[in-house]
Amino acid sequence: MEVIINEVVLEARHVQRWKFHDRSRTLPRVPIVLTVTEDENQWWRFECCLIEGGMHCIRCSEWSGFVGPRINARLTLYAQEDGENFHRMKVIMRD
């Protein structure tokens, strides 16, 4: 079963960073690099850290490059599944 960490409609402000609550409570409290894929053909590595208020933040040049062409898309980030060392995401482009 896929467990959702969080969802967002990407806006221009997200190019710099995405602050979110980890609804799955699966992300560590220490800085990590999330290995992320949508289809297991293309992979990204996003820096993620815990910030004020118990929120997490993703920000790095790879994140900025990822978000830029996907403004207005809906992104869902999922927790790692058993036996996997990466996170899945779903991106739905919107008009």
PDB file of N, CA and C in Angstrom:
ATOM      1  N   MET A   1       0.840  -1.177   0.000  1.00  0.00           N
ATOM      2  CA  MET A   1       0.000   0.000   0.000  1.00  0.00           C
ATOM      3  C   MET A   1       0.889   1.245   0.000  1.00  0.00           C
ATOM      4  N   GLU A   2       0.600   2.185  -0.866  1.00  0.00           N
ATOM      5  CA  GLU A   2       1.381   3.406  -0.938  1.00  0.00           C
ATOM      6  C   GLU A   2       0.975   4.365   0.170  1.00  0.00           C
ATOM      7  N   VAL A   3       1.973   4.865   0.886  1.00  0.00           N
ATOM      8  CA  VAL A   3       1.749   5.804   1.981  1.00  0.00           C
ATOM      9  C   VAL A   3       2.224   7.175   1.510  1.00  0.00           C
ATOM     10  N   ILE A   4       1.330   8.147   1.559  1.00  0.00           N
ATOM     11  CA  ILE A   4       1.645   9.492   1.079  1.00  0.00           C
ATOM     12  C   ILE A   4       2.387  10.287   2.149  1.00  0.00           C
ATOM     13  N   ILE A   5       3.528  10.856   1.743  1.00  0.00           N
ATOM     14  CA  ILE A   5       4.250  11.794   2.605  1.00  0.00           C
ATOM     15  C   ILE A   5       3.550  13.143   2.547  1.00  0.00           C
ATOM     16  N   ASN A   6       3.331  13.659   1.327  1.00  0.00           N
ATOM     17  CA  ASN A   6       2.599  14.907   1.149  1.00  0.00           C
ATOM     18  C   ASN A   6       2.328  15.125  -0.332  1.00  0.00           C
ATOM     19  N   GLU A   7       1.447  16.085  -0.612  1.00  0.00           N
ATOM     20  CA  GLU A   7       1.072  16.444  -1.978  1.00  0.00           C
ATOM     21  C   GLU A   7       1.133  17.954  -2.115  1.00  0.00           C
ATOM     22  N   VAL A   8       1.374  18.423  -3.350  1.00  0.00           N
ATOM     23  CA  VAL A   8       1.432  19.854  -3.594  1.00  0.00           C
ATOM     24  C   VAL A   8       1.140  20.131  -5.064  1.00  0.00           C
ATOM     25  N   VAL A   9       0.531  21.266  -5.335  1.00  0.00           N
ATOM     26  CA  VAL A   9       0.467  21.781  -6.696  1.00  0.00           C
ATOM     27  C   VAL A   9       1.657  22.730  -6.802  1.00  0.00           C
ATOM     28  N   LEU A  10       2.588  22.411  -7.669  1.00  0.00           N
ATOM     29  CA  LEU A  10       3.835  23.164  -7.757  1.00  0.00           C
ATOM     30  C   LEU A  10       3.592  24.573  -8.285  1.00  0.00           C
ATOM     31  N   GLU A  11       4.152  25.533  -7.571  1.00  0.00           N
ATOM     32  CA  GLU A  11       4.055  26.949  -7.932  1.00  0.00           C
ATOM     33  C   GLU A  11       5.470  27.490  -8.125  1.00  0.00           C
ATOM     34  N   ALA A  12       5.570  28.670  -8.678  1.00  0.00           N
ATOM     35  CA  ALA A  12       6.885  29.271  -8.928  1.00  0.00           C
ATOM     36  C   ALA A  12       7.715  29.355  -7.641  1.00  0.00           C
ATOM     37  N   ARG A  13       7.069  29.595  -6.515  1.00  0.00           N
ATOM     38  CA  ARG A  13       7.805  29.702  -5.243  1.00  0.00           C
ATOM     39  C   ARG A  13       8.453  28.383  -4.836  1.00  0.00           C
ATOM     40  N   HIS A  14       7.966  27.273  -5.356  1.00  0.00           N
ATOM     41  CA  HIS A  14       8.534  25.965  -5.014  1.00  0.00           C
ATOM     42  C   HIS A  14       9.840  25.677  -5.743  1.00  0.00           C
ATOM     43  N   VAL A  15      10.196  26.504  -6.727  1.00  0.00           N
ATOM     44  CA  VAL A  15      11.470  26.295  -7.433  1.00  0.00           C
ATOM     45  C   VAL A  15      12.622  26.376  -6.432  1.00  0.00           C
ATOM     46  N   GLN A  16      12.535  27.291  -5.484  1.00  0.00           N
ATOM     47  CA  GLN A  16      13.592  27.446  -4.486  1.00  0.00           C
ATOM     48  C   GLN A  16      13.543  26.362  -3.409  1.00  0.00           C
ATOM     49  N   ARG A  17      12.328  26.038  -2.953  1.00  0.00           N
ATOM     50  CA  ARG A  17      12.188  25.015  -1.913  1.00  0.00           C
ATOM     51  C   ARG A  17      10.724  24.636  -1.745  1.00  0.00           C
ATOM     52  N   TRP A  18      10.530  23.471  -1.149  1.00  0.00           N
ATOM     53  CA  TRP A  18       9.180  23.008  -0.801  1.00  0.00           C
ATOM     54  C   TRP A  18       9.203  22.657   0.671  1.00  0.00           C
ATOM     55  N   LYS A  19       8.417  23.377   1.467  1.00  0.00           N
ATOM     56  CA  LYS A  19       8.278  23.081   2.891  1.00  0.00           C
ATOM     57  C   LYS A  19       6.985  22.307   3.073  1.00  0.00           C
ATOM     58  N   PHE A  20       7.046  21.229   3.846  1.00  0.00           N
ATOM     59  CA  PHE A  20       5.868  20.377   3.994  1.00  0.00           C
ATOM     60  C   PHE A  20       5.927  19.593   5.301  1.00  0.00           C
ATOM     61  N   HIS A  21       4.766  19.137   5.730  1.00  0.00           N
ATOM     62  CA  HIS A  21       4.671  18.220   6.872  1.00  0.00           C
ATOM     63  C   HIS A  21       4.733  16.794   6.343  1.00  0.00           C
ATOM     64  N   ASP A  22       5.485  15.959   7.006  1.00  0.00           N
ATOM     65  CA  ASP A  22       5.584  14.545   6.639  1.00  0.00           C
ATOM     66  C   ASP A  22       4.394  13.814   7.253  1.00  0.00           C
ATOM     67  N   ARG A  23       3.322  13.693   6.483  1.00  0.00           N
ATOM     68  CA  ARG A  23       2.100  13.055   6.993  1.00  0.00           C
ATOM     69  C   ARG A  23       2.311  11.575   7.282  1.00  0.00           C
ATOM     70  N   SER A  24       3.312  10.969   6.646  1.00  0.00           N
ATOM     71  CA  SER A  24       3.574   9.544   6.859  1.00  0.00           C
ATOM     72  C   SER A  24       4.407   9.295   8.114  1.00  0.00           C
ATOM     73  N   ARG A  25       5.085  10.332   8.572  1.00  0.00           N
ATOM     74  CA  ARG A  25       6.013  10.226   9.709  1.00  0.00           C
ATOM     75  C   ARG A  25       7.104   9.188   9.453  1.00  0.00           C
ATOM     76  N   THR A  26       7.559   9.120   8.207  1.00  0.00           N
ATOM     77  CA  THR A  26       8.592   8.150   7.850  1.00  0.00           C
ATOM     78  C   THR A  26       9.947   8.787   7.556  1.00  0.00           C
ATOM     79  N   LEU A  27       9.984  10.111   7.367  1.00  0.00           N
ATOM     80  CA  LEU A  27      11.260  10.762   7.076  1.00  0.00           C
ATOM     81  C   LEU A  27      12.047  10.954   8.364  1.00  0.00           C
ATOM     82  N   PRO A  28      13.366  10.788   8.298  1.00  0.00           N
ATOM     83  CA  PRO A  28      14.181  10.959   9.511  1.00  0.00           C
ATOM     84  C   PRO A  28      14.277  12.426   9.910  1.00  0.00           C
ATOM     85  N   ARG A  29      14.714  12.654  11.120  1.00  0.00           N
ATOM     86  CA  ARG A  29      14.857  14.005  11.644  1.00  0.00           C
ATOM     87  C   ARG A  29      16.219  14.595  11.314  1.00  0.00           C
ATOM     88  N   VAL A  30      17.037  13.866  10.584  1.00  0.00           N
ATOM     89  CA  VAL A  30      18.367  14.335  10.184  1.00  0.00           C
ATOM     90  C   VAL A  30      18.359  14.606   8.677  1.00  0.00           C
ATOM     91  N   PRO A  31      19.241  15.487   8.192  1.00  0.00           N
ATOM     92  CA  PRO A  31      19.298  15.750   6.754  1.00  0.00           C
ATOM     93  C   PRO A  31      19.600  14.468   5.964  1.00  0.00           C
ATOM     94  N   ILE A  32      18.910  14.309   4.848  1.00  0.00           N
ATOM     95  CA  ILE A  32      19.116  13.138   3.989  1.00  0.00           C
ATOM     96  C   ILE A  32      19.014  13.562   2.528  1.00  0.00           C
ATOM     97  N   VAL A  33      19.415  12.663   1.660  1.00  0.00           N
ATOM     98  CA  VAL A  33      19.208  12.829   0.230  1.00  0.00           C
ATOM     99  C   VAL A  33      18.162  11.801  -0.180  1.00  0.00           C
ATOM    100  N   LEU A  34      17.035  12.296  -0.685  1.00  0.00           N
ATOM    101  CA  LEU A  34      15.961  11.411  -1.142  1.00  0.00           C
ATOM    102  C   LEU A  34      16.234  11.010  -2.588  1.00  0.00           C
ATOM    103  N   THR A  35      16.320   9.725  -2.836  1.00  0.00           N
ATOM    104  CA  THR A  35      16.380   9.231  -4.203  1.00  0.00           C
ATOM    105  C   THR A  35      14.937   9.007  -4.628  1.00  0.00           C
ATOM    106  N   VAL A  36      14.522   9.687  -5.707  1.00  0.00           N
ATOM    107  CA  VAL A  36      13.109   9.736  -6.085  1.00  0.00           C
ATOM    108  C   VAL A  36      12.945   9.352  -7.549  1.00  0.00           C
ATOM    109  N   THR A  37      11.864   8.609  -7.842  1.00  0.00           N
ATOM    110  CA  THR A  37      11.541   8.247  -9.222  1.00  0.00           C
ATOM    111  C   THR A  37      10.032   8.281  -9.426  1.00  0.00           C
ATOM    112  N   GLU A  38       9.650   8.471 -10.667  1.00  0.00           N
ATOM    113  CA  GLU A  38       8.236   8.375 -11.017  1.00  0.00           C
ATOM    114  C   GLU A  38       7.972   7.065 -11.738  1.00  0.00           C
ATOM    115  N   ASP A  39       8.918   6.643 -12.538  1.00  0.00           N
ATOM    116  CA  ASP A  39       8.697   5.473 -13.400  1.00  0.00           C
ATOM    117  C   ASP A  39       9.848   4.469 -13.394  1.00  0.00           C
ATOM    118  N   GLU A  40      10.817   4.658 -12.521  1.00  0.00           N
ATOM    119  CA  GLU A  40      12.025   3.835 -12.415  1.00  0.00           C
ATOM    120  C   GLU A  40      12.911   3.921 -13.660  1.00  0.00           C
ATOM    121  N   ASN A  41      12.637   4.876 -14.545  1.00  0.00           N
ATOM    122  CA  ASN A  41      13.506   5.136 -15.694  1.00  0.00           C
ATOM    123  C   ASN A  41      14.302   6.414 -15.489  1.00  0.00           C
ATOM    124  N   GLN A  42      13.714   7.372 -14.805  1.00  0.00           N
ATOM    125  CA  GLN A  42      14.386   8.636 -14.529  1.00  0.00           C
ATOM    126  C   GLN A  42      14.440   8.813 -13.018  1.00  0.00           C
ATOM    127  N   TRP A  43      15.601   9.273 -12.528  1.00  0.00           N
ATOM    128  CA  TRP A  43      15.834   9.371 -11.090  1.00  0.00           C
ATOM    129  C   TRP A  43      16.316  10.771 -10.730  1.00  0.00           C
ATOM    130  N   TRP A  44      15.960  11.229  -9.538  1.00  0.00           N
ATOM    131  CA  TRP A  44      16.430  12.500  -9.013  1.00  0.00           C
ATOM    132  C   TRP A  44      16.913  12.271  -7.590  1.00  0.00           C
ATOM    133  N   ARG A  45      17.804  13.163  -7.138  1.00  0.00           N
ATOM    134  CA  ARG A  45      18.293  13.137  -5.763  1.00  0.00           C
ATOM    135  C   ARG A  45      18.053  14.522  -5.158  1.00  0.00           C
ATOM    136  N   PHE A  46      17.134  14.563  -4.192  1.00  0.00           N
ATOM    137  CA  PHE A  46      16.734  15.819  -3.573  1.00  0.00           C
ATOM    138  C   PHE A  46      17.204  15.867  -2.124  1.00  0.00           C
ATOM    139  N   GLU A  47      17.822  16.980  -1.748  1.00  0.00           N
ATOM    140  CA  GLU A  47      18.246  17.177  -0.364  1.00  0.00           C
ATOM    141  C   GLU A  47      17.031  17.543   0.478  1.00  0.00           C
ATOM    142  N   CYS A  48      16.878  16.870   1.603  1.00  0.00           N
ATOM    143  CA  CYS A  48      15.722  17.068   2.478  1.00  0.00           C
ATOM    144  C   CYS A  48      16.205  17.203   3.921  1.00  0.00           C
ATOM    145  N   CYS A  49      15.664  18.195   4.628  1.00  0.00           N
ATOM    146  CA  CYS A  49      16.051  18.361   6.031  1.00  0.00           C
ATOM    147  C   CYS A  49      14.841  18.800   6.855  1.00  0.00           C
ATOM    148  N   LEU A  50      14.946  18.582   8.142  1.00  0.00           N
ATOM    149  CA  LEU A  50      13.919  19.009   9.092  1.00  0.00           C
ATOM    150  C   LEU A  50      14.154  20.481   9.402  1.00  0.00           C
ATOM    151  N   ILE A  51      13.075  21.269   9.396  1.00  0.00           N
ATOM    152  CA  ILE A  51      13.191  22.695   9.710  1.00  0.00           C
ATOM    153  C   ILE A  51      12.234  23.033  10.848  1.00  0.00           C
ATOM    154  N   GLU A  52      12.061  24.317  11.085  1.00  0.00           N
ATOM    155  CA  GLU A  52      11.231  24.772  12.201  1.00  0.00           C
ATOM    156  C   GLU A  52       9.816  24.234  12.129  1.00  0.00           C
ATOM    157  N   GLY A  53       9.231  24.067  13.292  1.00  0.00           N
ATOM    158  CA  GLY A  53       7.844  23.638  13.370  1.00  0.00           C
ATOM    159  C   GLY A  53       7.609  22.188  12.985  1.00  0.00           C
ATOM    160  N   GLY A  54       8.673  21.385  12.977  1.00  0.00           N
ATOM    161  CA  GLY A  54       8.525  19.975  12.633  1.00  0.00           C
ATOM    162  C   GLY A  54       8.277  19.734  11.154  1.00  0.00           C
ATOM    163  N   MET A  55       8.505  20.755  10.335  1.00  0.00           N
ATOM    164  CA  MET A  55       8.315  20.603   8.896  1.00  0.00           C
ATOM    165  C   MET A  55       9.613  20.124   8.253  1.00  0.00           C
ATOM    166  N   HIS A  56       9.484  19.568   7.046  1.00  0.00           N
ATOM    167  CA  HIS A  56      10.635  19.189   6.242  1.00  0.00           C
ATOM    168  C   HIS A  56      10.745  20.158   5.075  1.00  0.00           C
ATOM    169  N   CYS A  57      11.918  20.218   4.498  1.00  0.00           N
ATOM    170  CA  CYS A  57      12.162  21.122   3.385  1.00  0.00           C
ATOM    171  C   CYS A  57      13.032  20.408   2.351  1.00  0.00           C
ATOM    172  N   ILE A  58      12.617  20.483   1.089  1.00  0.00           N
ATOM    173  CA  ILE A  58      13.440  19.983  -0.018  1.00  0.00           C
ATOM    174  C   ILE A  58      13.941  21.207  -0.760  1.00  0.00           C
ATOM    175  N   ARG A  59      15.257  21.260  -0.934  1.00  0.00           N
ATOM    176  CA  ARG A  59      15.855  22.353  -1.692  1.00  0.00           C
ATOM    177  C   ARG A  59      17.243  21.925  -2.157  1.00  0.00           C
ATOM    178  N   CYS A  60      17.506  22.152  -3.405  1.00  0.00           N
ATOM    179  CA  CYS A  60      18.811  21.898  -4.002  1.00  0.00           C
ATOM    180  C   CYS A  60      18.695  22.231  -5.484  1.00  0.00           C
ATOM    181  N   SER A  61      19.810  22.284  -6.171  1.00  0.00           N
ATOM    182  CA  SER A  61      19.757  22.655  -7.590  1.00  0.00           C
ATOM    183  C   SER A  61      18.991  21.614  -8.403  1.00  0.00           C
ATOM    184  N   GLU A  62      19.089  20.343  -8.038  1.00  0.00           N
ATOM    185  CA  GLU A  62      18.352  19.325  -8.780  1.00  0.00           C
ATOM    186  C   GLU A  62      16.838  19.504  -8.588  1.00  0.00           C
ATOM    187  N   TRP A  63      16.419  19.877  -7.383  1.00  0.00           N
ATOM    188  CA  TRP A  63      15.010  20.159  -7.123  1.00  0.00           C
ATOM    189  C   TRP A  63      14.546  21.339  -7.976  1.00  0.00           C
ATOM    190  N   SER A  64      15.321  22.414  -7.993  1.00  0.00           N
ATOM    191  CA  SER A  64      14.956  23.599  -8.774  1.00  0.00           C
ATOM    192  C   SER A  64      14.791  23.258 -10.246  1.00  0.00           C
ATOM    193  N   GLY A  65      15.715  22.464 -10.787  1.00  0.00           N
ATOM    194  CA  GLY A  65      15.629  22.051 -12.182  1.00  0.00           C
ATOM    195  C   GLY A  65      14.432  21.155 -12.452  1.00  0.00           C
ATOM    196  N   PHE A  66      14.065  20.353 -11.463  1.00  0.00           N
ATOM    197  CA  PHE A  66      12.906  19.468 -11.587  1.00  0.00           C
ATOM    198  C   PHE A  66      11.604  20.267 -11.605  1.00  0.00           C
ATOM    199  N   VAL A  67      11.469  21.222 -10.693  1.00  0.00           N
ATOM    200  CA  VAL A  67      10.217  21.966 -10.538  1.00  0.00           C
ATOM    201  C   VAL A  67       9.962  22.914 -11.704  1.00  0.00           C
ATOM    202  N   GLY A  68      10.996  23.605 -12.178  1.00  0.00           N
ATOM    203  CA  GLY A  68      10.842  24.633 -13.203  1.00  0.00           C
ATOM    204  C   GLY A  68       9.883  24.276 -14.335  1.00  0.00           C
ATOM    205  N   PRO A  69      10.087  23.166 -15.038  1.00  0.00           N
ATOM    206  CA  PRO A  69       9.187  22.823 -16.147  1.00  0.00           C
ATOM    207  C   PRO A  69       7.866  22.186 -15.702  1.00  0.00           C
ATOM    208  N   ARG A  70       7.684  22.026 -14.405  1.00  0.00           N
ATOM    209  CA  ARG A  70       6.480  21.358 -13.904  1.00  0.00           C
ATOM    210  C   ARG A  70       5.573  22.284 -13.091  1.00  0.00           C
ATOM    211  N   ILE A  71       5.734  23.589 -13.250  1.00  0.00           N
ATOM    212  CA  ILE A  71       4.871  24.543 -12.553  1.00  0.00           C
ATOM    213  C   ILE A  71       3.411  24.212 -12.895  1.00  0.00           C
ATOM    214  N   ASN A  72       2.556  24.226 -11.912  1.00  0.00           N
ATOM    215  CA  ASN A  72       1.119  23.903 -11.993  1.00  0.00           C
ATOM    216  C   ASN A  72       0.834  22.402 -11.990  1.00  0.00           C
ATOM    217  N   ALA A  73       1.858  21.564 -11.973  1.00  0.00           N
ATOM    218  CA  ALA A  73       1.630  20.118 -11.892  1.00  0.00           C
ATOM    219  C   ALA A  73       1.318  19.733 -10.449  1.00  0.00           C
ATOM    220  N   ARG A  74       0.581  18.661 -10.278  1.00  0.00           N
ATOM    221  CA  ARG A  74       0.302  18.117  -8.945  1.00  0.00           C
ATOM    222  C   ARG A  74       1.324  17.027  -8.666  1.00  0.00           C
ATOM    223  N   LEU A  75       2.076  17.181  -7.571  1.00  0.00           N
ATOM    224  CA  LEU A  75       3.095  16.218  -7.186  1.00  0.00           C
ATOM    225  C   LEU A  75       2.665  15.512  -5.910  1.00  0.00           C
ATOM    226  N   THR A  76       2.750  14.206  -5.906  1.00  0.00           N
ATOM    227  CA  THR A  76       2.509  13.404  -4.710  1.00  0.00           C
ATOM    228  C   THR A  76       3.790  12.648  -4.409  1.00  0.00           C
ATOM    229  N   LEU A  77       4.312  12.803  -3.201  1.00  0.00           N
ATOM    230  CA  LEU A  77       5.522  12.105  -2.771  1.00  0.00           C
ATOM    231  C   LEU A  77       5.119  10.986  -1.823  1.00  0.00           C
ATOM    232  N   TYR A  78       5.611   9.786  -2.102  1.00  0.00           N
ATOM    233  CA  TYR A  78       5.251   8.603  -1.316  1.00  0.00           C
ATOM    234  C   TYR A  78       6.421   8.141  -0.450  1.00  0.00           C
ATOM    235  N   ALA A  79       6.102   7.510   0.671  1.00  0.00           N
ATOM    236  CA  ALA A  79       7.109   6.927   1.553  1.00  0.00           C
ATOM    237  C   ALA A  79       7.747   5.711   0.870  1.00  0.00           C
ATOM    238  N   GLN A  80       8.940   5.381   1.313  1.00  0.00           N
ATOM    239  CA  GLN A  80       9.596   4.178   0.808  1.00  0.00           C
ATOM    240  C   GLN A  80       8.748   2.968   1.149  1.00  0.00           C
ATOM    241  N   GLU A  81       8.733   2.009   0.231  1.00  0.00           N
ATOM    242  CA  GLU A  81       8.045   0.750   0.500  1.00  0.00           C
ATOM    243  C   GLU A  81       9.060  -0.250   1.020  1.00  0.00           C
ATOM    244  N   ASP A  82       8.595  -1.280   1.702  1.00  0.00           N
ATOM    245  CA  ASP A  82       9.493  -2.299   2.244  1.00  0.00           C
ATOM    246  C   ASP A  82      10.405  -2.839   1.155  1.00  0.00           C
ATOM    247  N   GLY A  83      11.692  -2.917   1.468  1.00  0.00           N
ATOM    248  CA  GLY A  83      12.663  -3.482   0.544  1.00  0.00           C
ATOM    249  C   GLY A  83      13.165  -2.513  -0.515  1.00  0.00           C
ATOM    250  N   GLU A  84      12.658  -1.282  -0.520  1.00  0.00           N
ATOM    251  CA  GLU A  84      13.110  -0.296  -1.505  1.00  0.00           C
ATOM    252  C   GLU A  84      13.970   0.763  -0.813  1.00  0.00           C
ATOM    253  N   ASN A  85      14.933   1.291  -1.549  1.00  0.00           N
ATOM    254  CA  ASN A  85      15.787   2.332  -0.991  1.00  0.00           C
ATOM    255  C   ASN A  85      15.568   3.655  -1.732  1.00  0.00           C
ATOM    256  N   PHE A  86      14.333   3.857  -2.218  1.00  0.00           N
ATOM    257  CA  PHE A  86      13.984   5.077  -2.921  1.00  0.00           C
ATOM    258  C   PHE A  86      12.523   5.419  -2.653  1.00  0.00           C
ATOM    259  N   HIS A  87      12.167   6.643  -2.994  1.00  0.00           N
ATOM    260  CA  HIS A  87      10.791   7.124  -2.846  1.00  0.00           C
ATOM    261  C   HIS A  87      10.164   7.249  -4.225  1.00  0.00           C
ATOM    262  N   ARG A  88       8.903   6.957  -4.310  1.00  0.00           N
ATOM    263  CA  ARG A  88       8.167   7.134  -5.564  1.00  0.00           C
ATOM    264  C   ARG A  88       7.417   8.459  -5.506  1.00  0.00           C
ATOM    265  N   MET A  89       7.159   9.004  -6.673  1.00  0.00           N
ATOM    266  CA  MET A  89       6.324  10.194  -6.753  1.00  0.00           C
ATOM    267  C   MET A  89       5.429  10.057  -7.970  1.00  0.00           C
ATOM    268  N   LYS A  90       4.366  10.811  -7.937  1.00  0.00           N
ATOM    269  CA  LYS A  90       3.440  10.861  -9.066  1.00  0.00           C
ATOM    270  C   LYS A  90       3.313  12.329  -9.444  1.00  0.00           C
ATOM    271  N   VAL A  91       3.478  12.630 -10.730  1.00  0.00           N
ATOM    272  CA  VAL A  91       3.343  13.988 -11.217  1.00  0.00           C
ATOM    273  C   VAL A  91       2.235  14.015 -12.247  1.00  0.00           C
ATOM    274  N   ILE A  92       1.235  14.842 -12.015  1.00  0.00           N
ATOM    275  CA  ILE A  92       0.122  14.988 -12.950  1.00  0.00           C
ATOM    276  C   ILE A  92       0.178  16.408 -13.499  1.00  0.00           C
ATOM    277  N   MET A  93       0.470  16.529 -14.771  1.00  0.00           N
ATOM    278  CA  MET A  93       0.526  17.846 -15.407  1.00  0.00           C
ATOM    279  C   MET A  93      -0.896  18.375 -15.546  1.00  0.00           C
ATOM    280  N   ARG A  94      -1.055  19.668 -15.273  1.00  0.00           N
ATOM    281  CA  ARG A  94      -2.370  20.310 -15.362  1.00  0.00           C
ATOM    282  C   ARG A  94      -2.272  21.457 -16.368  1.00  0.00           C
ATOM    283  N   ASP A  95      -3.394  21.792 -16.960  1.00  0.00           N
ATOM    284  CA  ASP A  95      -3.409  22.909 -17.922  1.00  0.00           C
ATOM    285  C   ASP A  95      -3.343  24.233 -17.241  1.00  0.00           C
TER     286      ASP A  95
END
